[in-house]
Amino acid sequence: MQGKKIILLLTLLITVFGLSGCGEDEPVKVEVPRLVRAIQVGGPQQLKSRNYPGRAKAVHEVNLAFDVRGTLNERPVDVGDNIIPGQLIASLDSRDFRSDVEEAKANVQHAYADFNRAK
């Protein structure tokens, strides 16, 4: 009988301590947001007149190169312009071509002179 009393007492103590842990939850701490000092610089009307740095890039871009050397004489189109077939987009200074032709003629004459002398 004594053993039953001890078991009953232990069961009662365990139940009391177990139920005492089932109370109300602790209150949830709500963090108060920190205040930030803000200043309005301008209204939306001022955004229209402002300039921002940046670059616009074409969707289709072609890098051009000439088959011959020379100084660029004229470029009547700008970056971003629409080009139609046959339109002049750039021209080179013709002085370089003329000097090359004159040099070639002089070389031919020199070669004929050498040939005739050797003959």
C-alpha atoms as a PDB file:
ATOM      1  CA  MET A   1       0.000   0.000   0.000  1.00  0.00           C
ATOM      2  CA  GLN A   2       2.862   2.269   0.766  1.00  0.00           C
ATOM      3  CA  GLY A   3       4.224   1.753  -2.804  1.00  0.00           C
ATOM      4  CA  LYS A   4       0.852   2.674  -4.294  1.00  0.00           C
ATOM      5  CA  LYS A   5       0.800   5.913  -2.315  1.00  0.00           C
ATOM      6  CA  ILE A   6       4.259   6.831  -3.528  1.00  0.00           C
ATOM      7  CA  ILE A   7       3.324   6.104  -7.137  1.00  0.00           C
ATOM      8  CA  LEU A   8       0.092   8.101  -6.745  1.00  0.00           C
ATOM      9  CA  LEU A   9       1.998  10.979  -5.165  1.00  0.00           C
ATOM     10  CA  LEU A  10       4.626  10.965  -7.920  1.00  0.00           C
ATOM     11  CA  THR A  11       1.929  10.854 -10.613  1.00  0.00           C
ATOM     12  CA  LEU A  12       0.128  13.755  -8.946  1.00  0.00           C
ATOM     13  CA  LEU A  13       3.356  15.810  -8.702  1.00  0.00           C
ATOM     14  CA  ILE A  14       4.267  15.119 -12.338  1.00  0.00           C
ATOM     15  CA  THR A  15       0.783  16.128 -13.450  1.00  0.00           C
ATOM     16  CA  VAL A  16       0.836  19.335 -11.402  1.00  0.00           C
ATOM     17  CA  PHE A  17       4.281  20.352 -12.659  1.00  0.00           C
ATOM     18  CA  GLY A  18       3.394  19.342 -16.232  1.00  0.00           C
ATOM     19  CA  LEU A  19       0.203  21.412 -16.223  1.00  0.00           C
ATOM     20  CA  SER A  20       1.888  24.377 -14.599  1.00  0.00           C
ATOM     21  CA  GLY A  21       4.078  24.712 -17.737  1.00  0.00           C
ATOM     22  CA  CYS A  22       0.940  25.129 -19.862  1.00  0.00           C
ATOM     23  CA  GLY A  23       0.204  28.740 -19.196  1.00  0.00           C
ATOM     24  CA  GLU A  24      -0.260  31.752 -21.404  1.00  0.00           C
ATOM     25  CA  ASP A  25       2.424  32.454 -23.975  1.00  0.00           C
ATOM     26  CA  GLU A  26       4.808  35.284 -23.330  1.00  0.00           C
ATOM     27  CA  PRO A  27       3.752  38.505 -25.015  1.00  0.00           C
ATOM     28  CA  VAL A  28       5.328  38.997 -28.450  1.00  0.00           C
ATOM     29  CA  LYS A  29       7.765  41.863 -28.552  1.00  0.00           C
ATOM     30  CA  VAL A  30       6.957  44.266 -31.376  1.00  0.00           C
ATOM     31  CA  GLU A  31       9.922  46.234 -32.625  1.00  0.00           C
ATOM     32  CA  VAL A  32       9.185  49.887 -33.124  1.00  0.00           C
ATOM     33  CA  PRO A  33      10.583  51.010 -36.498  1.00  0.00           C
ATOM     34  CA  ARG A  34      13.355  53.568 -36.310  1.00  0.00           C
ATOM     35  CA  LEU A  35      12.466  56.974 -37.616  1.00  0.00           C
ATOM     36  CA  VAL A  36      14.462  58.320 -40.553  1.00  0.00           C
ATOM     37  CA  ARG A  37      14.793  61.966 -41.428  1.00  0.00           C
ATOM     38  CA  ALA A  38      13.807  62.543 -45.088  1.00  0.00           C
ATOM     39  CA  ILE A  39      13.735  65.668 -47.210  1.00  0.00           C
ATOM     40  CA  GLN A  40      11.835  66.015 -50.486  1.00  0.00           C
ATOM     41  CA  VAL A  41      14.215  67.515 -53.026  1.00  0.00           C
ATOM     42  CA  GLY A  42      11.755  68.348 -55.758  1.00  0.00           C
ATOM     43  CA  GLY A  43       8.429  67.490 -57.255  1.00  0.00           C
ATOM     44  CA  PRO A  44       7.689  65.363 -60.331  1.00  0.00           C
ATOM     45  CA  GLN A  45       7.490  68.507 -62.486  1.00  0.00           C
ATOM     46  CA  GLN A  46      11.229  69.025 -62.032  1.00  0.00           C
ATOM     47  CA  LEU A  47      12.074  65.537 -63.317  1.00  0.00           C
ATOM     48  CA  LYS A  48      11.173  66.541 -66.886  1.00  0.00           C
ATOM     49  CA  SER A  49      13.826  69.236 -67.007  1.00  0.00           C
ATOM     50  CA  ARG A  50      16.652  67.207 -65.470  1.00  0.00           C
ATOM     51  CA  ASN A  51      19.468  65.581 -67.417  1.00  0.00           C
ATOM     52  CA  TYR A  52      20.902  62.240 -66.420  1.00  0.00           C
ATOM     53  CA  PRO A  53      24.141  60.780 -67.785  1.00  0.00           C
ATOM     54  CA  GLY A  54      23.754  57.707 -69.933  1.00  0.00           C
ATOM     55  CA  ARG A  55      24.199  56.139 -73.345  1.00  0.00           C
ATOM     56  CA  ALA A  56      21.682  54.987 -75.871  1.00  0.00           C
ATOM     57  CA  LYS A  57      22.788  52.020 -77.940  1.00  0.00           C
ATOM     58  CA  ALA A  58      21.344  50.928 -81.270  1.00  0.00           C
ATOM     59  CA  VAL A  59      19.783  47.503 -81.619  1.00  0.00           C
ATOM     60  CA  HIS A  60      21.597  46.885 -84.910  1.00  0.00           C
ATOM     61  CA  GLU A  61      25.029  48.419 -85.291  1.00  0.00           C
ATOM     62  CA  VAL A  62      27.532  47.964 -88.110  1.00  0.00           C
ATOM     63  CA  ASN A  63      31.234  48.707 -87.835  1.00  0.00           C
ATOM     64  CA  LEU A  64      32.527  50.158 -91.097  1.00  0.00           C
ATOM     65  CA  ALA A  65      35.970  49.880 -92.596  1.00  0.00           C
ATOM     66  CA  PHE A  66      37.382  50.898 -95.965  1.00  0.00           C
ATOM     67  CA  ASP A  67      39.397  48.532 -98.136  1.00  0.00           C
ATOM     68  CA  VAL A  68      41.958  51.276 -98.699  1.00  0.00           C
ATOM     69  CA  ARG A  69      43.790  53.691 -96.451  1.00  0.00           C
ATOM     70  CA  GLY A  70      43.037  57.381 -96.437  1.00  0.00           C
ATOM     71  CA  THR A  71      41.792  60.372 -94.533  1.00  0.00           C
ATOM     72  CA  LEU A  72      38.076  60.621 -93.858  1.00  0.00           C
ATOM     73  CA  ASN A  73      36.842  63.568 -95.879  1.00  0.00           C
ATOM     74  CA  GLU A  74      33.104  63.566 -95.253  1.00  0.00           C
ATOM     75  CA  ARG A  75      30.569  61.710 -93.096  1.00  0.00           C
ATOM     76  CA  PRO A  76      27.073  63.055 -93.797  1.00  0.00           C
ATOM     77  CA  VAL A  77      25.307  60.615 -91.453  1.00  0.00           C
ATOM     78  CA  ASP A  78      25.335  60.457 -87.682  1.00  0.00           C
ATOM     79  CA  VAL A  79      25.178  57.544 -85.305  1.00  0.00           C
ATOM     80  CA  GLY A  80      21.612  56.279 -85.113  1.00  0.00           C
ATOM     81  CA  ASP A  81      20.486  57.594 -88.533  1.00  0.00           C
ATOM     82  CA  ASN A  82      18.563  55.266 -90.828  1.00  0.00           C
ATOM     83  CA  ILE A  83      20.480  54.451 -93.995  1.00  0.00           C
ATOM     84  CA  ILE A  84      18.947  53.564 -97.346  1.00  0.00           C
ATOM     85  CA  PRO A  85      20.790  51.450 -99.941  1.00  0.00           C
ATOM     86  CA  GLY A  86      23.085  53.544-102.121  1.00  0.00           C
ATOM     87  CA  GLN A  87      23.271  56.470 -99.686  1.00  0.00           C
ATOM     88  CA  LEU A  88      26.688  58.035 -99.120  1.00  0.00           C
ATOM     89  CA  ILE A  89      27.806  57.303 -95.578  1.00  0.00           C
ATOM     90  CA  ALA A  90      31.447  58.420 -95.793  1.00  0.00           C
ATOM     91  CA  SER A  91      34.065  59.483 -98.307  1.00  0.00           C
ATOM     92  CA  LEU A  92      37.845  59.454 -98.276  1.00  0.00           C
ATOM     93  CA  ASP A  93      40.223  62.175 -99.457  1.00  0.00           C
ATOM     94  CA  SER A  94      41.210  61.322-103.064  1.00  0.00           C
ATOM     95  CA  ARG A  95      44.729  62.800-102.794  1.00  0.00           C
ATOM     96  CA  ASP A  96      46.040  59.530-101.369  1.00  0.00           C
ATOM     97  CA  PHE A  97      44.623  57.582-104.327  1.00  0.00           C
ATOM     98  CA  ARG A  98      46.045  60.027-106.864  1.00  0.00           C
ATOM     99  CA  SER A  99      49.495  59.877-105.292  1.00  0.00           C
ATOM    100  CA  ASP A 100      49.351  56.058-105.334  1.00  0.00           C
ATOM    101  CA  VAL A 101      48.409  56.108-109.043  1.00  0.00           C
ATOM    102  CA  GLU A 102      51.216  58.546-109.856  1.00  0.00           C
ATOM    103  CA  GLU A 103      53.675  56.349-107.967  1.00  0.00           C
ATOM    104  CA  ALA A 104      52.507  53.267-109.865  1.00  0.00           C
ATOM    105  CA  LYS A 105      52.883  55.089-113.202  1.00  0.00           C
ATOM    106  CA  ALA A 106      56.398  56.193-112.237  1.00  0.00           C
ATOM    107  CA  ASN A 107      57.303  52.615-111.320  1.00  0.00           C
ATOM    108  CA  VAL A 108      56.024  51.358-114.692  1.00  0.00           C
ATOM    109  CA  GLN A 109      58.028  54.003-116.567  1.00  0.00           C
ATOM    110  CA  HIS A 110      61.107  53.138-114.509  1.00  0.00           C
ATOM    111  CA  ALA A 111      60.635  49.439-115.271  1.00  0.00           C
ATOM    112  CA  TYR A 112      60.309  50.173-119.045  1.00  0.00           C
ATOM    113  CA  ALA A 113      63.432  52.316-118.912  1.00  0.00           C
ATOM    114  CA  ASP A 114      65.356  49.548-117.137  1.00  0.00           C
ATOM    115  CA  PHE A 115      64.043  47.007-119.644  1.00  0.00           C
ATOM    116  CA  ASN A 116      65.012  49.134-122.665  1.00  0.00           C
ATOM    117  CA  ARG A 117      68.470  49.826-121.224  1.00  0.00           C
ATOM    118  CA  ALA A 118      69.083  46.129-120.623  1.00  0.00           C
ATOM    119  CA  LYS A 119      67.796  45.245-124.092  1.00  0.00           C
END
